[in-house]
Amino acid sequence: MAASNYTSYFAVVMMLSTIISSISQTEQKEGLRIETVYAPSPGCYGVNYGDFYIGVENMTLADGTVLTTSYMPRTDVVKKGWYLGKRAKGIDIGLQGACKGEIRNITIPPHLMFGIEKDTFNFKVTVPANSTIFYQAEILDIVPESEKSYLEDFLYADLNGDFLVDVKEIEYVLTNERGLRQMLSSALGMDNIAELAVQWFDSLGDGALDREEYFTMSKTINLEQLRKDANSDSNLESINQNSKEEL
């Protein structure tokens, strides 16, 4: 898609941000200018290093050239997930402490982004040396590092990367984990495990489990332990089978 289309679309997004900027707060932090355009209520949990967060973003040069954007014309908004501490230093510093629902505009100096000595080819665009970057992000969800095991299981089940797990995706997981399917079927006395999972834990009624709903399901049925038990039974069955073959 032409760069001009991205630029004009991003201009609309930035105009909307400007409209509500009268309630924004601005701070300087380690060379960054951080404008909080929309902040949730005080006392909310802020993303920290090692946490996983889901969000949408826009990144431009000073002249408005778009490097990357989640707001693609004629498509759905593209959500992405990252670990804080694994991206460019300017982004990590600028987003540390941001809460779910928070929107930040961050002005990032060259030395905290693409550097000051040479051009960088990134996002199909050449970023000139010594470029200041204008970055905007909205935090849609945060997963503390302490819940990493639940997160990894959720991302494993989320085959298409839309941060929703539907019946087909759960069915795919159960097809690959027959021991887990058998254990759940025996416990419930039913075979339609995937349909039941969505039916019981889809509190929003949208036909899929979002991150919070999936975590609730995992914790309620103790999915991590069930998986360990299923794997243990499978390994024991394999050992017994090998012993019989040796005899």
C-alpha atoms as a PDB file:
ATOM      1  CA  MET A   1       0.000   0.000   0.000  1.00  0.00           C
ATOM      2  CA  ALA A   2       1.301   3.480  -0.874  1.00  0.00           C
ATOM      3  CA  ALA A   3       3.046   5.414   1.859  1.00  0.00           C
ATOM      4  CA  SER A   4       0.734   8.391   1.277  1.00  0.00           C
ATOM      5  CA  ASN A   5      -2.290   6.256   2.207  1.00  0.00           C
ATOM      6  CA  TYR A   6      -0.653   5.224   5.471  1.00  0.00           C
ATOM      7  CA  THR A   7       0.314   8.832   6.189  1.00  0.00           C
ATOM      8  CA  SER A   8      -3.169  10.229   5.583  1.00  0.00           C
ATOM      9  CA  TYR A   9      -4.791   7.513   7.682  1.00  0.00           C
ATOM     10  CA  PHE A  10      -2.323   8.030  10.485  1.00  0.00           C
ATOM     11  CA  ALA A  11      -3.027  11.782  10.343  1.00  0.00           C
ATOM     12  CA  VAL A  12      -6.665  11.043  11.217  1.00  0.00           C
ATOM     13  CA  VAL A  13      -5.568   8.918  14.168  1.00  0.00           C
ATOM     14  CA  MET A  14      -3.259  11.654  15.413  1.00  0.00           C
ATOM     15  CA  MET A  15      -5.992  14.285  14.985  1.00  0.00           C
ATOM     16  CA  LEU A  16      -8.263  12.280  17.279  1.00  0.00           C
ATOM     17  CA  SER A  17      -5.448  12.097  19.816  1.00  0.00           C
ATOM     18  CA  THR A  18      -5.016  15.870  19.615  1.00  0.00           C
ATOM     19  CA  ILE A  19      -8.700  16.444  20.348  1.00  0.00           C
ATOM     20  CA  ILE A  20      -8.400  14.755  23.743  1.00  0.00           C
ATOM     21  CA  SER A  21      -4.889  15.993  24.502  1.00  0.00           C
ATOM     22  CA  SER A  22      -6.299  18.709  26.741  1.00  0.00           C
ATOM     23  CA  ILE A  23      -6.502  16.100  29.510  1.00  0.00           C
ATOM     24  CA  SER A  24      -3.057  14.684  28.811  1.00  0.00           C
ATOM     25  CA  GLN A  25      -0.045  14.694  31.112  1.00  0.00           C
ATOM     26  CA  THR A  26       3.541  15.096  29.928  1.00  0.00           C
ATOM     27  CA  GLU A  27       6.795  14.013  31.548  1.00  0.00           C
ATOM     28  CA  GLN A  28      10.469  13.747  30.621  1.00  0.00           C
ATOM     29  CA  LYS A  29      12.139  10.409  31.302  1.00  0.00           C
ATOM     30  CA  GLU A  30      15.689   9.416  30.363  1.00  0.00           C
ATOM     31  CA  GLY A  31      15.645  11.663  27.305  1.00  0.00           C
ATOM     32  CA  LEU A  32      12.110  10.757  26.235  1.00  0.00           C
ATOM     33  CA  ARG A  33       9.086  13.005  26.089  1.00  0.00           C
ATOM     34  CA  ILE A  34       6.103  10.938  27.265  1.00  0.00           C
ATOM     35  CA  GLU A  35       2.590  12.302  26.854  1.00  0.00           C
ATOM     36  CA  THR A  36      -0.139  10.262  28.509  1.00  0.00           C
ATOM     37  CA  VAL A  37      -3.157  11.014  26.344  1.00  0.00           C
ATOM     38  CA  TYR A  38      -5.547   8.782  28.242  1.00  0.00           C
ATOM     39  CA  ALA A  39      -4.734   7.337  31.657  1.00  0.00           C
ATOM     40  CA  PRO A  40      -6.845   4.771  33.557  1.00  0.00           C
ATOM     41  CA  SER A  41      -7.773   5.240  37.196  1.00  0.00           C
ATOM     42  CA  PRO A  42      -5.014   5.607  39.816  1.00  0.00           C
ATOM     43  CA  GLY A  43      -3.689   2.407  41.347  1.00  0.00           C
ATOM     44  CA  CYS A  44      -3.949   0.329  38.176  1.00  0.00           C
ATOM     45  CA  TYR A  45      -1.278  -2.258  37.384  1.00  0.00           C
ATOM     46  CA  GLY A  46       1.462  -0.838  35.160  1.00  0.00           C
ATOM     47  CA  VAL A  47       3.437  -3.014  32.751  1.00  0.00           C
ATOM     48  CA  ASN A  48       6.948  -3.799  33.947  1.00  0.00           C
ATOM     49  CA  TYR A  49      10.020  -5.472  32.535  1.00  0.00           C
ATOM     50  CA  GLY A  50       9.363  -9.157  31.880  1.00  0.00           C
ATOM     51  CA  ASP A  51       5.596  -8.648  31.548  1.00  0.00           C
ATOM     52  CA  PHE A  52       3.755  -9.402  28.317  1.00  0.00           C
ATOM     53  CA  TYR A  53       1.458  -6.763  26.870  1.00  0.00           C
ATOM     54  CA  ILE A  54      -0.962  -6.599  23.965  1.00  0.00           C
ATOM     55  CA  GLY A  55      -1.459  -3.324  22.166  1.00  0.00           C
ATOM     56  CA  VAL A  56      -1.798  -1.277  19.027  1.00  0.00           C
ATOM     57  CA  GLU A  57       0.814   1.173  17.817  1.00  0.00           C
ATOM     58  CA  ASN A  58       1.835   3.848  15.322  1.00  0.00           C
ATOM     59  CA  MET A  59       5.405   4.874  14.573  1.00  0.00           C
ATOM     60  CA  THR A  60       6.445   7.766  12.331  1.00  0.00           C
ATOM     61  CA  LEU A  61       9.355   9.963  11.403  1.00  0.00           C
ATOM     62  CA  ALA A  62       9.237  13.712  12.035  1.00  0.00           C
ATOM     63  CA  ASP A  63       7.932  14.339   8.494  1.00  0.00           C
ATOM     64  CA  GLY A  64       4.984  11.997   9.064  1.00  0.00           C
ATOM     65  CA  THR A  65       6.396   9.028   7.173  1.00  0.00           C
ATOM     66  CA  VAL A  66       4.801   5.953   8.724  1.00  0.00           C
ATOM     67  CA  LEU A  67       7.195   3.206   9.746  1.00  0.00           C
ATOM     68  CA  THR A  68       4.571   0.881  11.184  1.00  0.00           C
ATOM     69  CA  THR A  69       0.922   1.158  12.181  1.00  0.00           C
ATOM     70  CA  SER A  70      -1.788  -1.069  13.590  1.00  0.00           C
ATOM     71  CA  TYR A  71      -4.472   1.054  11.931  1.00  0.00           C
ATOM     72  CA  MET A  72      -4.426  -0.274   8.388  1.00  0.00           C
ATOM     73  CA  PRO A  73      -7.008   1.175   5.971  1.00  0.00           C
ATOM     74  CA  ARG A  74      -9.760  -1.235   4.943  1.00  0.00           C
ATOM     75  CA  THR A  75      -8.647  -3.899   7.423  1.00  0.00           C
ATOM     76  CA  ASP A  76      -9.236  -4.680  11.069  1.00  0.00           C
ATOM     77  CA  VAL A  77      -6.989  -3.080  13.650  1.00  0.00           C
ATOM     78  CA  VAL A  78      -3.937  -5.304  14.025  1.00  0.00           C
ATOM     79  CA  LYS A  79      -3.189  -6.186  17.651  1.00  0.00           C
ATOM     80  CA  LYS A  80       0.268  -7.407  18.593  1.00  0.00           C
ATOM     81  CA  GLY A  81       1.954  -8.720  21.711  1.00  0.00           C
ATOM     82  CA  TRP A  82       5.422  -8.055  23.113  1.00  0.00           C
ATOM     83  CA  TYR A  83       7.510  -8.620  26.221  1.00  0.00           C
ATOM     84  CA  LEU A  84       8.589  -5.371  27.843  1.00  0.00           C
ATOM     85  CA  GLY A  85      12.356  -5.302  27.744  1.00  0.00           C
ATOM     86  CA  LYS A  86      12.639  -7.081  24.383  1.00  0.00           C
ATOM     87  CA  ARG A  87      12.099  -4.096  22.102  1.00  0.00           C
ATOM     88  CA  ALA A  88      13.990  -0.906  21.335  1.00  0.00           C
ATOM     89  CA  LYS A  89      15.146   0.811  24.491  1.00  0.00           C
ATOM     90  CA  GLY A  90      13.130   3.945  23.772  1.00  0.00           C
ATOM     91  CA  ILE A  91       9.875   1.988  23.487  1.00  0.00           C
ATOM     92  CA  ASP A  92      10.559  -0.053  26.627  1.00  0.00           C
ATOM     93  CA  ILE A  93      11.400   3.011  28.729  1.00  0.00           C
ATOM     94  CA  GLY A  94       8.439   4.940  27.346  1.00  0.00           C
ATOM     95  CA  LEU A  95       5.871   2.253  28.055  1.00  0.00           C
ATOM     96  CA  GLN A  96       7.106   1.072  31.448  1.00  0.00           C
ATOM     97  CA  GLY A  97       4.360   1.675  33.995  1.00  0.00           C
ATOM     98  CA  ALA A  98       1.572   2.067  31.423  1.00  0.00           C
ATOM     99  CA  CYS A  99      -1.736   0.501  32.479  1.00  0.00           C
ATOM    100  CA  LYS A 100      -4.341  -1.414  30.549  1.00  0.00           C
ATOM    101  CA  GLY A 101      -6.348   1.086  28.522  1.00  0.00           C
ATOM    102  CA  GLU A 102      -3.636   3.743  28.635  1.00  0.00           C
ATOM    103  CA  ILE A 103      -2.584   5.673  25.531  1.00  0.00           C
ATOM    104  CA  ARG A 104       0.866   7.238  25.311  1.00  0.00           C
ATOM    105  CA  ASN A 105       2.557   9.465  22.751  1.00  0.00           C
ATOM    106  CA  ILE A 106       6.322   9.072  23.049  1.00  0.00           C
ATOM    107  CA  THR A 107       8.987  11.197  21.387  1.00  0.00           C
ATOM    108  CA  ILE A 108      12.098   9.014  21.153  1.00  0.00           C
ATOM    109  CA  PRO A 109      15.563  10.498  20.535  1.00  0.00           C
ATOM    110  CA  PRO A 110      17.807   8.778  17.953  1.00  0.00           C
ATOM    111  CA  HIS A 111      20.192   7.148  20.425  1.00  0.00           C
ATOM    112  CA  LEU A 112      17.296   5.244  22.053  1.00  0.00           C
ATOM    113  CA  MET A 113      15.839   3.974  18.784  1.00  0.00           C
ATOM    114  CA  PHE A 114      17.624   3.550  15.439  1.00  0.00           C
ATOM    115  CA  GLY A 115      20.916   5.283  16.213  1.00  0.00           C
ATOM    116  CA  ILE A 116      22.775   8.415  15.183  1.00  0.00           C
ATOM    117  CA  GLU A 117      25.562   7.201  12.889  1.00  0.00           C
ATOM    118  CA  LYS A 118      23.988   5.505   9.851  1.00  0.00           C
ATOM    119  CA  ASP A 119      20.717   4.989   8.007  1.00  0.00           C
ATOM    120  CA  THR A 120      18.592   1.995   8.970  1.00  0.00           C
ATOM    121  CA  PHE A 121      16.381   0.024   6.624  1.00  0.00           C
ATOM    122  CA  ASN A 122      13.368  -0.955   8.665  1.00  0.00           C
ATOM    123  CA  PHE A 123       9.670  -1.606   8.010  1.00  0.00           C
ATOM    124  CA  LYS A 124      10.386  -1.308   4.249  1.00  0.00           C
ATOM    125  CA  VAL A 125      11.376   2.315   4.845  1.00  0.00           C
ATOM    126  CA  THR A 126      14.835   3.858   5.141  1.00  0.00           C
ATOM    127  CA  VAL A 127      15.192   5.585   8.495  1.00  0.00           C
ATOM    128  CA  PRO A 128      17.807   8.344   8.156  1.00  0.00           C
ATOM    129  CA  ALA A 129      20.589   8.467  10.721  1.00  0.00           C
ATOM    130  CA  ASN A 130      19.909  10.656  13.756  1.00  0.00           C
ATOM    131  CA  SER A 131      16.109  10.453  13.335  1.00  0.00           C
ATOM    132  CA  THR A 132      13.712  11.338  16.116  1.00  0.00           C
ATOM    133  CA  ILE A 133      10.844   8.858  16.265  1.00  0.00           C
ATOM    134  CA  PHE A 134       7.259   9.645  17.166  1.00  0.00           C
ATOM    135  CA  TYR A 135       5.577   6.633  18.706  1.00  0.00           C
ATOM    136  CA  GLN A 136       2.019   6.133  19.922  1.00  0.00           C
ATOM    137  CA  ALA A 137       0.699   3.044  21.703  1.00  0.00           C
ATOM    138  CA  GLU A 138      -2.483   1.919  23.405  1.00  0.00           C
ATOM    139  CA  ILE A 139      -2.160  -0.875  25.957  1.00  0.00           C
ATOM    140  CA  LEU A 140      -5.034  -3.341  25.545  1.00  0.00           C
ATOM    141  CA  ASP A 141      -3.957  -6.018  27.997  1.00  0.00           C
ATOM    142  CA  ILE A 142      -1.127  -6.877  30.392  1.00  0.00           C
ATOM    143  CA  VAL A 143       0.027 -10.266  31.623  1.00  0.00           C
ATOM    144  CA  PRO A 144       2.389 -10.124  34.615  1.00  0.00           C
ATOM    145  CA  GLU A 145       5.538 -12.221  34.381  1.00  0.00           C
ATOM    146  CA  SER A 146       4.219 -14.349  37.270  1.00  0.00           C
ATOM    147  CA  GLU A 147       1.523 -15.719  34.936  1.00  0.00           C
ATOM    148  CA  LYS A 148       3.925 -16.610  32.133  1.00  0.00           C
ATOM    149  CA  SER A 149       3.011 -20.329  32.161  1.00  0.00           C
ATOM    150  CA  TYR A 150      -0.668 -19.492  31.572  1.00  0.00           C
ATOM    151  CA  LEU A 151       0.332 -17.048  28.850  1.00  0.00           C
ATOM    152  CA  GLU A 152       2.483 -19.580  27.014  1.00  0.00           C
ATOM    153  CA  ASP A 153      -0.397 -22.059  27.041  1.00  0.00           C
ATOM    154  CA  PHE A 154      -2.776 -19.394  25.724  1.00  0.00           C
ATOM    155  CA  LEU A 155      -0.407 -18.364  22.918  1.00  0.00           C
ATOM    156  CA  TYR A 156       0.115 -22.032  22.036  1.00  0.00           C
ATOM    157  CA  ALA A 157      -3.633 -22.473  21.596  1.00  0.00           C
ATOM    158  CA  ASP A 158      -4.103 -19.168  19.743  1.00  0.00           C
ATOM    159  CA  LEU A 159      -3.156 -20.550  16.342  1.00  0.00           C
ATOM    160  CA  ASN A 160      -4.024 -17.495  14.231  1.00  0.00           C
ATOM    161  CA  GLY A 161      -2.549 -14.931  16.619  1.00  0.00           C
ATOM    162  CA  ASP A 162      -5.702 -12.864  17.144  1.00  0.00           C
ATOM    163  CA  PHE A 163      -5.544 -13.263  20.952  1.00  0.00           C
ATOM    164  CA  LEU A 164      -8.781 -15.246  20.931  1.00  0.00           C
ATOM    165  CA  VAL A 165      -9.122 -19.024  21.231  1.00  0.00           C
ATOM    166  CA  ASP A 166     -12.165 -20.553  19.548  1.00  0.00           C
ATOM    167  CA  VAL A 167     -13.608 -24.056  19.356  1.00  0.00           C
ATOM    168  CA  LYS A 168     -11.534 -25.050  16.317  1.00  0.00           C
ATOM    169  CA  GLU A 169      -8.302 -24.011  18.013  1.00  0.00           C
ATOM    170  CA  ILE A 170      -9.118 -25.912  21.204  1.00  0.00           C
ATOM    171  CA  GLU A 171     -10.057 -28.928  19.099  1.00  0.00           C
ATOM    172  CA  TYR A 172      -6.707 -28.724  17.311  1.00  0.00           C
ATOM    173  CA  VAL A 173      -4.850 -28.715  20.642  1.00  0.00           C
ATOM    174  CA  LEU A 174      -6.834 -31.705  21.904  1.00  0.00           C
ATOM    175  CA  THR A 175      -6.171 -33.580  18.663  1.00  0.00           C
ATOM    176  CA  ASN A 176      -2.449 -33.213  19.304  1.00  0.00           C
ATOM    177  CA  GLU A 177      -2.778 -34.076  22.997  1.00  0.00           C
ATOM    178  CA  ARG A 178      -4.810 -37.274  23.027  1.00  0.00           C
ATOM    179  CA  GLY A 179      -3.985 -38.068  26.634  1.00  0.00           C
ATOM    180  CA  LEU A 180      -5.420 -34.745  27.762  1.00  0.00           C
ATOM    181  CA  ARG A 181      -8.544 -35.280  25.655  1.00  0.00           C
ATOM    182  CA  GLN A 182      -9.085 -38.745  27.135  1.00  0.00           C
ATOM    183  CA  MET A 183      -8.606 -37.468  30.674  1.00  0.00           C
ATOM    184  CA  LEU A 184     -11.089 -34.620  30.209  1.00  0.00           C
ATOM    185  CA  SER A 185     -13.610 -36.847  28.444  1.00  0.00           C
ATOM    186  CA  SER A 186     -13.461 -39.417  31.239  1.00  0.00           C
ATOM    187  CA  ALA A 187     -13.834 -36.763  33.941  1.00  0.00           C
ATOM    188  CA  LEU A 188     -16.815 -35.087  32.264  1.00  0.00           C
ATOM    189  CA  GLY A 189     -18.385 -38.106  30.638  1.00  0.00           C
ATOM    190  CA  MET A 190     -18.635 -36.133  27.395  1.00  0.00           C
ATOM    191  CA  ASP A 191     -16.676 -35.923  24.153  1.00  0.00           C
ATOM    192  CA  ASN A 192     -17.450 -32.380  22.975  1.00  0.00           C
ATOM    193  CA  ILE A 193     -14.767 -30.840  25.189  1.00  0.00           C
ATOM    194  CA  ALA A 194     -13.941 -27.885  22.947  1.00  0.00           C
ATOM    195  CA  GLU A 195     -17.558 -26.773  22.628  1.00  0.00           C
ATOM    196  CA  LEU A 196     -18.115 -27.094  26.364  1.00  0.00           C
ATOM    197  CA  ALA A 197     -15.008 -25.058  27.176  1.00  0.00           C
ATOM    198  CA  VAL A 198     -16.226 -22.095  25.149  1.00  0.00           C
ATOM    199  CA  GLN A 199     -19.803 -22.505  26.355  1.00  0.00           C
ATOM    200  CA  TRP A 200     -18.808 -22.477  30.024  1.00  0.00           C
ATOM    201  CA  PHE A 201     -16.111 -19.790  30.038  1.00  0.00           C
ATOM    202  CA  ASP A 202     -17.089 -17.373  27.253  1.00  0.00           C
ATOM    203  CA  SER A 203     -18.458 -14.681  29.566  1.00  0.00           C
ATOM    204  CA  LEU A 204     -18.653 -12.102  26.760  1.00  0.00           C
ATOM    205  CA  GLY A 205     -20.699 -14.405  24.535  1.00  0.00           C
ATOM    206  CA  ASP A 206     -18.625 -13.765  21.413  1.00  0.00           C
ATOM    207  CA  GLY A 207     -17.953 -17.420  20.603  1.00  0.00           C
ATOM    208  CA  ALA A 208     -14.306 -17.489  21.685  1.00  0.00           C
ATOM    209  CA  LEU A 209     -12.153 -17.154  24.786  1.00  0.00           C
ATOM    210  CA  ASP A 210     -10.110 -14.001  25.190  1.00  0.00           C
ATOM    211  CA  ARG A 211      -6.972 -13.986  27.291  1.00  0.00           C
ATOM    212  CA  GLU A 212      -8.736 -13.441  30.620  1.00  0.00           C
ATOM    213  CA  GLU A 213     -11.429 -16.034  29.884  1.00  0.00           C
ATOM    214  CA  TYR A 214      -8.815 -18.582  28.840  1.00  0.00           C
ATOM    215  CA  PHE A 215      -6.834 -17.973  32.024  1.00  0.00           C
ATOM    216  CA  THR A 216     -10.015 -18.430  34.066  1.00  0.00           C
ATOM    217  CA  MET A 217     -10.648 -21.749  32.336  1.00  0.00           C
ATOM    218  CA  SER A 218      -7.052 -22.894  32.864  1.00  0.00           C
ATOM    219  CA  LYS A 219      -7.117 -22.074  36.558  1.00  0.00           C
ATOM    220  CA  THR A 220     -10.606 -23.479  37.145  1.00  0.00           C
ATOM    221  CA  ILE A 221      -9.865 -26.910  35.684  1.00  0.00           C
ATOM    222  CA  ASN A 222      -6.170 -26.818  36.711  1.00  0.00           C
ATOM    223  CA  LEU A 223      -5.154 -27.348  33.089  1.00  0.00           C
ATOM    224  CA  GLU A 224      -1.419 -27.264  33.796  1.00  0.00           C
ATOM    225  CA  GLN A 225      -1.662 -30.167  36.254  1.00  0.00           C
ATOM    226  CA  LEU A 226      -4.053 -32.096  34.004  1.00  0.00           C
ATOM    227  CA  ARG A 227      -1.549 -31.798  31.164  1.00  0.00           C
ATOM    228  CA  LYS A 228       1.256 -33.056  33.415  1.00  0.00           C
ATOM    229  CA  ASP A 229      -0.872 -35.999  34.562  1.00  0.00           C
ATOM    230  CA  ALA A 230      -1.827 -36.832  30.977  1.00  0.00           C
ATOM    231  CA  ASN A 231       1.802 -36.739  29.872  1.00  0.00           C
ATOM    232  CA  SER A 232       2.806 -38.890  32.851  1.00  0.00           C
ATOM    233  CA  ASP A 233       0.154 -41.497  32.006  1.00  0.00           C
ATOM    234  CA  SER A 234       1.237 -41.452  28.375  1.00  0.00           C
ATOM    235  CA  ASN A 235       4.873 -41.985  29.299  1.00  0.00           C
ATOM    236  CA  LEU A 236       3.940 -44.848  31.649  1.00  0.00           C
ATOM    237  CA  GLU A 237       1.863 -46.487  28.934  1.00  0.00           C
ATOM    238  CA  SER A 238       4.784 -46.172  26.526  1.00  0.00           C
ATOM    239  CA  ILE A 239       7.176 -47.761  29.039  1.00  0.00           C
ATOM    240  CA  ASN A 240       4.798 -50.658  29.654  1.00  0.00           C
ATOM    241  CA  GLN A 241       4.371 -51.197  25.934  1.00  0.00           C
ATOM    242  CA  ASN A 242       8.142 -51.272  25.396  1.00  0.00           C
ATOM    243  CA  SER A 243       8.541 -53.758  28.240  1.00  0.00           C
ATOM    244  CA  LYS A 244       5.992 -56.102  26.676  1.00  0.00           C
ATOM    245  CA  GLU A 245       7.744 -55.891  23.338  1.00  0.00           C
ATOM    246  CA  GLU A 246      11.091 -56.774  24.956  1.00  0.00           C
ATOM    247  CA  LEU A 247       9.503 -59.839  26.590  1.00  0.00           C
END
